[in-house]
Amino acid sequence: MNHLCATLLLFCSSFNMYFDDERNDFVQEIGVCAVEYNAYYTEPEKRLPIRLVVAVAAHESGWGTSRFALEGNNYFGMKTRSEDPDEYMIPKENDKVRLAKYKTTCDSVYGFMDLLSKSKKYKGFREKLMRQWFLDEVNYDMLIKKLNKYSKDKLWKVKVMKIIEQLEVRWL
């Protein structure tokens, strides 16, 4: 419980301290959805760090400016197997990939958080996260390493970690 209270207090009191541009709105929008998911849809030891969620969304969507974020509320590059064309978008560079469309920003955030919280692919991530919660010390670098199956981009971890560091500097 103390993780949620501390997260809410720190996060809600520091919305305007991140950036000097529209990225503040992005951080707030994604962050509010992530806090809500942690509060209502998962057990305390499985809650995902808000900065991690915001950083992945920022990287995957270009701070909310990508076509998939703007047209389909897909902030995480989440794929779908749906056959319904109203439920997916196709990247211009790869017509074999279907990216999910979401009705709201929070639906996209919940989809990403569900993936990390429930998929067998991320069991190691969840185990590492639970150990970190138990020790009351979140190490983003170690968590990011456990997300090696999330992206084929070899520099993905470095890019996401850089955003987390930007958020940490502005968080303080």
N, C-alpha and C. Protein backbone atom coordinates (compact mmCIF):
# COMPACT_ATOMS: atom_id res chain seq x y z
N MET A 1 0.82 -1.20 0.00
CA MET A 1 0.00 0.00 0.00
C MET A 1 0.86 1.26 0.00
N ASN A 2 2.01 1.20 0.72
CA ASN A 2 2.82 2.40 0.78
C ASN A 2 3.40 2.77 -0.58
N HIS A 3 3.61 1.76 -1.48
CA HIS A 3 4.08 2.07 -2.83
C HIS A 3 3.05 2.90 -3.59
N LEU A 4 1.77 2.51 -3.49
CA LEU A 4 0.73 3.24 -4.20
C LEU A 4 0.58 4.65 -3.66
N CYS A 5 0.55 4.79 -2.35
CA CYS A 5 0.40 6.12 -1.76
C CYS A 5 1.56 7.02 -2.13
N ALA A 6 2.77 6.49 -2.04
CA ALA A 6 3.94 7.28 -2.40
C ALA A 6 3.92 7.63 -3.89
N THR A 7 3.54 6.67 -4.71
CA THR A 7 3.46 6.93 -6.15
C THR A 7 2.46 8.02 -6.45
N LEU A 8 1.28 7.92 -5.87
CA LEU A 8 0.25 8.93 -6.11
C LEU A 8 0.70 10.31 -5.63
N LEU A 9 1.28 10.36 -4.45
CA LEU A 9 1.71 11.64 -3.89
C LEU A 9 2.79 12.28 -4.76
N LEU A 10 3.83 11.52 -5.06
CA LEU A 10 4.92 12.06 -5.87
C LEU A 10 4.48 12.39 -7.28
N PHE A 11 3.73 11.47 -7.87
CA PHE A 11 3.35 11.65 -9.26
C PHE A 11 2.40 12.83 -9.42
N CYS A 12 1.38 12.88 -8.61
CA CYS A 12 0.37 13.94 -8.75
C CYS A 12 0.90 15.31 -8.37
N SER A 13 1.88 15.36 -7.49
CA SER A 13 2.39 16.67 -7.07
C SER A 13 3.48 17.20 -8.00
N SER A 14 3.88 16.42 -9.00
CA SER A 14 5.00 16.87 -9.82
C SER A 14 4.70 16.88 -11.31
N PHE A 15 3.43 16.94 -11.70
CA PHE A 15 3.09 16.91 -13.11
C PHE A 15 3.76 18.02 -13.91
N ASN A 16 3.84 19.20 -13.38
CA ASN A 16 4.34 20.33 -14.16
C ASN A 16 5.86 20.48 -14.09
N MET A 17 6.55 19.50 -13.55
CA MET A 17 7.98 19.62 -13.36
C MET A 17 8.80 18.86 -14.39
N TYR A 18 8.16 18.26 -15.37
CA TYR A 18 8.91 17.41 -16.29
C TYR A 18 9.60 18.18 -17.39
N PHE A 19 8.86 18.76 -18.28
CA PHE A 19 9.42 19.37 -19.48
C PHE A 19 8.80 20.74 -19.71
N ASP A 20 9.41 21.51 -20.57
CA ASP A 20 8.91 22.84 -20.88
C ASP A 20 8.06 22.86 -22.14
N ASP A 21 7.45 21.74 -22.47
CA ASP A 21 6.65 21.67 -23.69
C ASP A 21 5.48 20.70 -23.49
N GLU A 22 4.88 20.27 -24.60
CA GLU A 22 3.68 19.42 -24.55
C GLU A 22 3.93 18.03 -23.97
N ARG A 23 5.19 17.68 -23.74
CA ARG A 23 5.48 16.37 -23.14
C ARG A 23 4.91 16.26 -21.73
N ASN A 24 4.74 17.40 -21.05
CA ASN A 24 4.11 17.37 -19.73
C ASN A 24 2.71 16.76 -19.79
N ASP A 25 1.93 17.18 -20.79
CA ASP A 25 0.57 16.65 -20.94
C ASP A 25 0.61 15.15 -21.21
N PHE A 26 1.58 14.74 -22.03
CA PHE A 26 1.73 13.32 -22.34
C PHE A 26 2.04 12.53 -21.07
N VAL A 27 3.02 12.99 -20.28
CA VAL A 27 3.40 12.31 -19.04
C VAL A 27 2.20 12.21 -18.11
N GLN A 28 1.44 13.28 -18.00
CA GLN A 28 0.28 13.28 -17.13
C GLN A 28 -0.78 12.29 -17.62
N GLU A 29 -1.08 12.32 -18.90
CA GLU A 29 -2.13 11.46 -19.44
C GLU A 29 -1.79 9.98 -19.27
N ILE A 30 -0.59 9.59 -19.65
CA ILE A 30 -0.18 8.19 -19.52
C ILE A 30 -0.06 7.83 -18.04
N GLY A 31 0.53 8.73 -17.27
CA GLY A 31 0.75 8.46 -15.84
C GLY A 31 -0.53 8.26 -15.07
N VAL A 32 -1.53 9.06 -15.33
CA VAL A 32 -2.81 8.91 -14.63
C VAL A 32 -3.42 7.54 -14.93
N CYS A 33 -3.36 7.11 -16.17
CA CYS A 33 -3.89 5.79 -16.55
C CYS A 33 -3.11 4.67 -15.84
N ALA A 34 -1.79 4.82 -15.78
CA ALA A 34 -0.95 3.80 -15.15
C ALA A 34 -1.22 3.72 -13.64
N VAL A 35 -1.36 4.86 -13.00
CA VAL A 35 -1.68 4.88 -11.56
C VAL A 35 -3.04 4.22 -11.33
N GLU A 36 -4.01 4.54 -12.18
CA GLU A 36 -5.34 3.95 -12.06
C GLU A 36 -5.28 2.42 -12.20
N TYR A 37 -4.54 1.94 -13.19
CA TYR A 37 -4.40 0.49 -13.39
C TYR A 37 -3.78 -0.15 -12.14
N ASN A 38 -2.70 0.45 -11.64
CA ASN A 38 -2.05 -0.09 -10.45
C ASN A 38 -2.99 -0.10 -9.24
N ALA A 39 -3.81 0.92 -9.13
CA ALA A 39 -4.70 1.04 -7.97
C ALA A 39 -5.87 0.07 -8.02
N TYR A 40 -6.42 -0.16 -9.21
CA TYR A 40 -7.67 -0.91 -9.30
C TYR A 40 -7.58 -2.29 -9.92
N TYR A 41 -6.53 -2.56 -10.70
CA TYR A 41 -6.54 -3.79 -11.49
C TYR A 41 -5.41 -4.76 -11.22
N THR A 42 -4.58 -4.50 -10.23
CA THR A 42 -3.49 -5.44 -9.95
C THR A 42 -3.16 -5.46 -8.47
N GLU A 43 -2.52 -6.54 -8.05
CA GLU A 43 -2.11 -6.66 -6.65
C GLU A 43 -0.89 -5.78 -6.39
N PRO A 44 -0.70 -5.35 -5.15
CA PRO A 44 0.41 -4.43 -4.85
C PRO A 44 1.78 -4.92 -5.31
N GLU A 45 2.08 -6.19 -5.14
CA GLU A 45 3.41 -6.69 -5.50
C GLU A 45 3.60 -6.83 -7.02
N LYS A 46 2.53 -6.64 -7.78
CA LYS A 46 2.62 -6.73 -9.25
C LYS A 46 2.47 -5.37 -9.92
N ARG A 47 2.40 -4.31 -9.14
CA ARG A 47 2.24 -2.98 -9.73
C ARG A 47 3.48 -2.61 -10.53
N LEU A 48 3.25 -2.01 -11.67
CA LEU A 48 4.35 -1.62 -12.55
C LEU A 48 4.79 -0.19 -12.23
N PRO A 49 6.09 0.06 -12.26
CA PRO A 49 6.58 1.43 -12.02
C PRO A 49 6.05 2.40 -13.08
N ILE A 50 5.52 3.51 -12.62
CA ILE A 50 4.90 4.49 -13.51
C ILE A 50 5.90 5.04 -14.52
N ARG A 51 7.11 5.34 -14.06
CA ARG A 51 8.12 5.89 -14.98
C ARG A 51 8.44 4.92 -16.11
N LEU A 52 8.45 3.64 -15.81
CA LEU A 52 8.71 2.64 -16.85
C LEU A 52 7.60 2.67 -17.90
N VAL A 53 6.36 2.71 -17.45
CA VAL A 53 5.22 2.75 -18.36
C VAL A 53 5.26 4.01 -19.21
N VAL A 54 5.49 5.14 -18.59
CA VAL A 54 5.55 6.41 -19.33
C VAL A 54 6.71 6.40 -20.32
N ALA A 55 7.86 5.89 -19.91
CA ALA A 55 9.04 5.88 -20.78
C ALA A 55 8.81 5.00 -22.01
N VAL A 56 8.23 3.83 -21.83
CA VAL A 56 7.96 2.96 -22.98
C VAL A 56 6.97 3.63 -23.92
N ALA A 57 5.92 4.21 -23.36
CA ALA A 57 4.94 4.91 -24.20
C ALA A 57 5.59 6.07 -24.95
N ALA A 58 6.43 6.83 -24.27
CA ALA A 58 7.10 7.97 -24.90
C ALA A 58 7.98 7.50 -26.06
N HIS A 59 8.73 6.45 -25.82
CA HIS A 59 9.61 5.95 -26.88
C HIS A 59 8.82 5.37 -28.06
N GLU A 60 7.87 4.50 -27.76
CA GLU A 60 7.15 3.79 -28.81
C GLU A 60 6.25 4.72 -29.63
N SER A 61 5.79 5.80 -29.04
CA SER A 61 4.85 6.68 -29.74
C SER A 61 5.44 8.04 -30.11
N GLY A 62 6.73 8.24 -29.86
CA GLY A 62 7.30 9.56 -30.13
C GLY A 62 6.62 10.63 -29.30
N TRP A 63 6.47 10.33 -28.01
CA TRP A 63 5.79 11.26 -27.09
C TRP A 63 4.36 11.55 -27.53
N GLY A 64 3.71 10.52 -28.06
CA GLY A 64 2.30 10.65 -28.44
C GLY A 64 2.06 11.25 -29.81
N THR A 65 3.10 11.40 -30.61
CA THR A 65 2.96 12.05 -31.92
C THR A 65 2.90 11.07 -33.09
N SER A 66 3.08 9.79 -32.85
CA SER A 66 3.08 8.82 -33.95
C SER A 66 1.68 8.68 -34.55
N ARG A 67 1.62 8.22 -35.76
CA ARG A 67 0.34 7.98 -36.43
C ARG A 67 -0.51 7.01 -35.62
N PHE A 68 0.12 5.99 -35.05
CA PHE A 68 -0.64 4.97 -34.31
C PHE A 68 -1.20 5.52 -33.00
N ALA A 69 -0.47 6.43 -32.37
CA ALA A 69 -0.98 7.08 -31.17
C ALA A 69 -2.13 8.02 -31.51
N LEU A 70 -1.95 8.81 -32.56
CA LEU A 70 -2.95 9.81 -32.93
C LEU A 70 -4.23 9.19 -33.52
N GLU A 71 -4.08 8.16 -34.33
CA GLU A 71 -5.25 7.57 -34.99
C GLU A 71 -5.86 6.39 -34.25
N GLY A 72 -5.08 5.74 -33.40
CA GLY A 72 -5.60 4.53 -32.75
C GLY A 72 -5.29 4.41 -31.27
N ASN A 73 -4.84 5.49 -30.65
CA ASN A 73 -4.52 5.47 -29.22
C ASN A 73 -3.57 4.33 -28.86
N ASN A 74 -2.70 3.95 -29.80
CA ASN A 74 -1.73 2.89 -29.53
C ASN A 74 -0.40 3.55 -29.22
N TYR A 75 -0.07 3.62 -27.92
CA TYR A 75 1.13 4.30 -27.46
C TYR A 75 2.30 3.36 -27.22
N PHE A 76 2.06 2.05 -27.41
CA PHE A 76 3.08 1.07 -27.05
C PHE A 76 3.48 0.15 -28.20
N GLY A 77 3.00 0.42 -29.39
CA GLY A 77 3.31 -0.46 -30.52
C GLY A 77 2.73 -1.85 -30.35
N MET A 78 1.59 -1.93 -29.67
CA MET A 78 0.97 -3.23 -29.38
C MET A 78 0.34 -3.81 -30.64
N LYS A 79 0.67 -5.07 -30.88
CA LYS A 79 0.13 -5.78 -32.04
C LYS A 79 -1.17 -6.47 -31.67
N THR A 80 -1.91 -6.87 -32.70
CA THR A 80 -3.15 -7.61 -32.50
C THR A 80 -3.26 -8.71 -33.56
N ARG A 81 -4.06 -9.69 -33.25
CA ARG A 81 -4.36 -10.75 -34.22
C ARG A 81 -5.77 -10.60 -34.77
N SER A 82 -6.43 -9.54 -34.39
CA SER A 82 -7.80 -9.31 -34.82
C SER A 82 -7.90 -9.29 -36.35
N GLU A 83 -8.99 -9.83 -36.84
CA GLU A 83 -9.27 -9.81 -38.28
C GLU A 83 -10.16 -8.63 -38.66
N ASP A 84 -10.69 -7.93 -37.65
CA ASP A 84 -11.60 -6.81 -37.87
C ASP A 84 -10.80 -5.54 -38.20
N PRO A 85 -10.91 -5.02 -39.42
CA PRO A 85 -10.12 -3.84 -39.80
C PRO A 85 -10.41 -2.60 -38.95
N ASP A 86 -11.52 -2.57 -38.25
CA ASP A 86 -11.81 -1.45 -37.35
C ASP A 86 -10.98 -1.53 -36.07
N GLU A 87 -10.34 -2.67 -35.83
CA GLU A 87 -9.59 -2.87 -34.59
C GLU A 87 -8.08 -2.86 -34.78
N TYR A 88 -7.62 -2.57 -36.00
CA TYR A 88 -6.17 -2.52 -36.20
C TYR A 88 -5.78 -1.51 -37.27
N MET A 89 -4.50 -1.18 -37.27
CA MET A 89 -3.89 -0.32 -38.28
C MET A 89 -2.69 -1.07 -38.85
N ILE A 90 -2.33 -0.73 -40.06
CA ILE A 90 -1.20 -1.40 -40.71
C ILE A 90 -0.09 -0.37 -40.95
N PRO A 91 1.12 -0.68 -40.47
CA PRO A 91 2.24 0.22 -40.74
C PRO A 91 2.54 0.29 -42.23
N LYS A 92 2.93 1.44 -42.71
CA LYS A 92 3.24 1.62 -44.13
C LYS A 92 4.42 0.77 -44.56
N GLU A 93 5.37 0.56 -43.64
CA GLU A 93 6.59 -0.17 -44.00
C GLU A 93 6.47 -1.69 -43.86
N ASN A 94 5.35 -2.19 -43.32
CA ASN A 94 5.20 -3.64 -43.15
C ASN A 94 3.72 -4.00 -43.13
N ASP A 95 3.20 -4.41 -44.27
CA ASP A 95 1.76 -4.69 -44.36
C ASP A 95 1.36 -6.03 -43.74
N LYS A 96 2.32 -6.76 -43.16
CA LYS A 96 2.01 -8.03 -42.51
C LYS A 96 1.74 -7.84 -41.00
N VAL A 97 2.02 -6.65 -40.50
CA VAL A 97 1.85 -6.35 -39.08
C VAL A 97 0.53 -5.62 -38.87
N ARG A 98 -0.16 -5.99 -37.81
CA ARG A 98 -1.39 -5.30 -37.41
C ARG A 98 -1.18 -4.72 -36.02
N LEU A 99 -1.29 -3.41 -35.94
CA LEU A 99 -1.19 -2.74 -34.65
C LEU A 99 -2.59 -2.44 -34.13
N ALA A 100 -2.78 -2.75 -32.86
CA ALA A 100 -4.09 -2.61 -32.24
C ALA A 100 -4.55 -1.16 -32.20
N LYS A 101 -5.86 -0.97 -32.35
CA LYS A 101 -6.50 0.32 -32.10
C LYS A 101 -7.17 0.23 -30.74
N TYR A 102 -7.12 1.33 -30.01
CA TYR A 102 -7.78 1.41 -28.70
C TYR A 102 -8.75 2.58 -28.70
N LYS A 103 -9.82 2.44 -27.94
CA LYS A 103 -10.81 3.51 -27.86
C LYS A 103 -10.28 4.72 -27.09
N THR A 104 -9.48 4.46 -26.06
CA THR A 104 -8.96 5.54 -25.22
C THR A 104 -7.48 5.34 -24.93
N THR A 105 -6.87 6.40 -24.44
CA THR A 105 -5.47 6.30 -24.00
C THR A 105 -5.34 5.26 -22.90
N CYS A 106 -6.25 5.30 -21.93
CA CYS A 106 -6.16 4.36 -20.82
C CYS A 106 -6.31 2.91 -21.29
N ASP A 107 -7.12 2.66 -22.29
CA ASP A 107 -7.23 1.29 -22.82
C ASP A 107 -5.87 0.81 -23.33
N SER A 108 -5.13 1.69 -23.98
CA SER A 108 -3.80 1.35 -24.48
C SER A 108 -2.85 1.07 -23.32
N VAL A 109 -2.87 1.93 -22.32
CA VAL A 109 -2.01 1.75 -21.14
C VAL A 109 -2.37 0.43 -20.44
N TYR A 110 -3.66 0.18 -20.27
CA TYR A 110 -4.08 -1.07 -19.61
C TYR A 110 -3.64 -2.29 -20.41
N GLY A 111 -3.72 -2.20 -21.75
CA GLY A 111 -3.29 -3.31 -22.59
C GLY A 111 -1.81 -3.61 -22.40
N PHE A 112 -0.99 -2.57 -22.36
CA PHE A 112 0.45 -2.75 -22.14
C PHE A 112 0.71 -3.32 -20.75
N MET A 113 0.05 -2.76 -19.75
CA MET A 113 0.28 -3.21 -18.38
C MET A 113 -0.22 -4.64 -18.19
N ASP A 114 -1.33 -4.99 -18.84
CA ASP A 114 -1.80 -6.39 -18.82
C ASP A 114 -0.76 -7.32 -19.43
N LEU A 115 -0.19 -6.90 -20.55
CA LEU A 115 0.82 -7.72 -21.22
C LEU A 115 1.98 -8.02 -20.28
N LEU A 116 2.53 -6.99 -19.65
CA LEU A 116 3.66 -7.20 -18.75
C LEU A 116 3.25 -7.95 -17.49
N SER A 117 2.03 -7.77 -17.05
CA SER A 117 1.55 -8.39 -15.80
C SER A 117 1.12 -9.84 -15.96
N LYS A 118 0.78 -10.25 -17.19
CA LYS A 118 0.16 -11.57 -17.35
C LYS A 118 0.82 -12.49 -18.36
N SER A 119 1.54 -11.94 -19.34
CA SER A 119 2.11 -12.78 -20.41
C SER A 119 3.25 -13.65 -19.88
N LYS A 120 3.28 -14.89 -20.34
CA LYS A 120 4.36 -15.81 -19.97
C LYS A 120 5.72 -15.28 -20.42
N LYS A 121 5.74 -14.50 -21.51
CA LYS A 121 6.99 -13.94 -22.02
C LYS A 121 7.69 -13.05 -20.99
N TYR A 122 6.92 -12.48 -20.07
CA TYR A 122 7.48 -11.51 -19.13
C TYR A 122 7.48 -12.01 -17.69
N LYS A 123 7.49 -13.32 -17.52
CA LYS A 123 7.53 -13.90 -16.18
C LYS A 123 8.80 -13.46 -15.43
N GLY A 124 9.94 -13.48 -16.11
CA GLY A 124 11.20 -13.04 -15.49
C GLY A 124 11.14 -11.58 -15.05
N PHE A 125 10.50 -10.76 -15.85
CA PHE A 125 10.31 -9.35 -15.49
C PHE A 125 9.51 -9.23 -14.20
N ARG A 126 8.40 -9.97 -14.13
CA ARG A 126 7.55 -9.91 -12.94
C ARG A 126 8.29 -10.41 -11.69
N GLU A 127 9.06 -11.47 -11.85
CA GLU A 127 9.82 -12.00 -10.71
C GLU A 127 10.84 -10.97 -10.22
N LYS A 128 11.54 -10.34 -11.14
CA LYS A 128 12.52 -9.31 -10.78
C LYS A 128 11.82 -8.12 -10.11
N LEU A 129 10.68 -7.73 -10.66
CA LEU A 129 9.93 -6.61 -10.09
C LEU A 129 9.47 -6.92 -8.66
N MET A 130 8.95 -8.13 -8.45
CA MET A 130 8.50 -8.48 -7.10
C MET A 130 9.65 -8.47 -6.10
N ARG A 131 10.83 -8.95 -6.50
CA ARG A 131 12.00 -8.89 -5.62
C ARG A 131 12.35 -7.45 -5.30
N GLN A 132 12.25 -6.59 -6.31
CA GLN A 132 12.58 -5.18 -6.09
C GLN A 132 11.57 -4.52 -5.16
N TRP A 133 10.29 -4.82 -5.34
CA TRP A 133 9.28 -4.26 -4.43
C TRP A 133 9.55 -4.73 -3.02
N PHE A 134 9.90 -6.02 -2.87
CA PHE A 134 10.18 -6.58 -1.55
C PHE A 134 11.34 -5.84 -0.88
N LEU A 135 12.37 -5.53 -1.66
CA LEU A 135 13.53 -4.81 -1.15
C LEU A 135 13.30 -3.30 -1.08
N ASP A 136 12.18 -2.86 -1.61
CA ASP A 136 11.81 -1.45 -1.63
C ASP A 136 12.83 -0.60 -2.39
N GLU A 137 13.32 -1.16 -3.51
CA GLU A 137 14.28 -0.45 -4.34
C GLU A 137 14.08 -0.84 -5.80
N VAL A 138 13.61 0.10 -6.59
CA VAL A 138 13.36 -0.18 -8.01
C VAL A 138 14.61 0.15 -8.81
N ASN A 139 15.10 -0.85 -9.55
CA ASN A 139 16.25 -0.67 -10.43
C ASN A 139 15.74 -0.81 -11.86
N TYR A 140 15.55 0.32 -12.52
CA TYR A 140 14.97 0.32 -13.86
C TYR A 140 15.86 -0.40 -14.87
N ASP A 141 17.15 -0.25 -14.73
CA ASP A 141 18.06 -0.90 -15.67
C ASP A 141 17.88 -2.42 -15.63
N MET A 142 17.78 -2.99 -14.44
CA MET A 142 17.57 -4.43 -14.33
C MET A 142 16.21 -4.85 -14.88
N LEU A 143 15.19 -4.03 -14.65
CA LEU A 143 13.86 -4.35 -15.17
C LEU A 143 13.83 -4.29 -16.69
N ILE A 144 14.45 -3.26 -17.25
CA ILE A 144 14.48 -3.10 -18.72
C ILE A 144 15.16 -4.31 -19.37
N LYS A 145 16.20 -4.82 -18.75
CA LYS A 145 16.90 -5.99 -19.30
C LYS A 145 15.97 -7.20 -19.39
N LYS A 146 14.99 -7.27 -18.51
CA LYS A 146 14.05 -8.39 -18.52
C LYS A 146 12.96 -8.22 -19.58
N LEU A 147 12.95 -7.07 -20.26
CA LEU A 147 11.98 -6.84 -21.33
C LEU A 147 12.61 -7.04 -22.70
N ASN A 148 13.63 -7.89 -22.77
CA ASN A 148 14.37 -8.08 -24.02
C ASN A 148 13.53 -8.61 -25.17
N LYS A 149 12.36 -9.17 -24.89
CA LYS A 149 11.50 -9.69 -25.96
C LYS A 149 10.49 -8.65 -26.46
N TYR A 150 10.50 -7.47 -25.87
CA TYR A 150 9.49 -6.47 -26.24
C TYR A 150 9.75 -5.86 -27.60
N SER A 151 11.02 -5.65 -27.94
CA SER A 151 11.36 -4.99 -29.20
C SER A 151 12.53 -5.69 -29.88
N LYS A 152 12.53 -5.65 -31.20
CA LYS A 152 13.65 -6.21 -31.97
C LYS A 152 14.79 -5.21 -32.09
N ASP A 153 14.53 -3.96 -31.78
CA ASP A 153 15.54 -2.90 -31.85
C ASP A 153 16.61 -3.16 -30.78
N LYS A 154 17.84 -3.36 -31.20
CA LYS A 154 18.92 -3.67 -30.27
C LYS A 154 19.22 -2.52 -29.31
N LEU A 155 18.84 -1.31 -29.69
CA LEU A 155 19.07 -0.14 -28.83
C LEU A 155 17.84 0.25 -28.02
N TRP A 156 16.78 -0.53 -28.09
CA TRP A 156 15.53 -0.21 -27.40
C TRP A 156 15.75 0.03 -25.92
N LYS A 157 16.47 -0.86 -25.26
CA LYS A 157 16.69 -0.73 -23.82
C LYS A 157 17.41 0.58 -23.48
N VAL A 158 18.40 0.92 -24.28
CA VAL A 158 19.17 2.15 -24.06
C VAL A 158 18.27 3.37 -24.23
N LYS A 159 17.45 3.36 -25.27
CA LYS A 159 16.55 4.49 -25.55
C LYS A 159 15.51 4.67 -24.45
N VAL A 160 14.91 3.57 -24.00
CA VAL A 160 13.90 3.66 -22.94
C VAL A 160 14.56 4.10 -21.63
N MET A 161 15.73 3.57 -21.35
CA MET A 161 16.44 3.94 -20.12
C MET A 161 16.78 5.43 -20.11
N LYS A 162 17.13 5.98 -21.27
CA LYS A 162 17.44 7.41 -21.36
C LYS A 162 16.20 8.25 -21.00
N ILE A 163 15.04 7.81 -21.45
CA ILE A 163 13.80 8.54 -21.11
C ILE A 163 13.51 8.42 -19.63
N ILE A 164 13.70 7.23 -19.05
CA ILE A 164 13.50 7.05 -17.61
C ILE A 164 14.41 8.00 -16.85
N GLU A 165 15.65 8.11 -17.28
CA GLU A 165 16.59 9.02 -16.62
C GLU A 165 16.12 10.48 -16.75
N GLN A 166 15.58 10.86 -17.90
CA GLN A 166 15.05 12.22 -18.06
C GLN A 166 13.90 12.45 -17.08
N LEU A 167 13.05 11.45 -16.95
CA LEU A 167 11.92 11.57 -16.02
C LEU A 167 12.39 11.63 -14.57
N GLU A 168 13.41 10.87 -14.23
CA GLU A 168 13.94 10.88 -12.86
C GLU A 168 14.53 12.24 -12.51
N VAL A 169 15.28 12.83 -13.43
CA VAL A 169 15.89 14.14 -13.18
C VAL A 169 14.80 15.17 -12.93
N ARG A 170 13.75 15.12 -13.71
CA ARG A 170 12.68 16.10 -13.58
C ARG A 170 11.73 15.77 -12.44
N TRP A 171 11.76 14.52 -11.98
CA TRP A 171 10.88 14.08 -10.90
C TRP A 171 11.32 14.69 -9.57
N LEU A 172 12.61 14.84 -9.40
CA LEU A 172 13.17 15.29 -8.12
C LEU A 172 12.94 16.76 -7.86
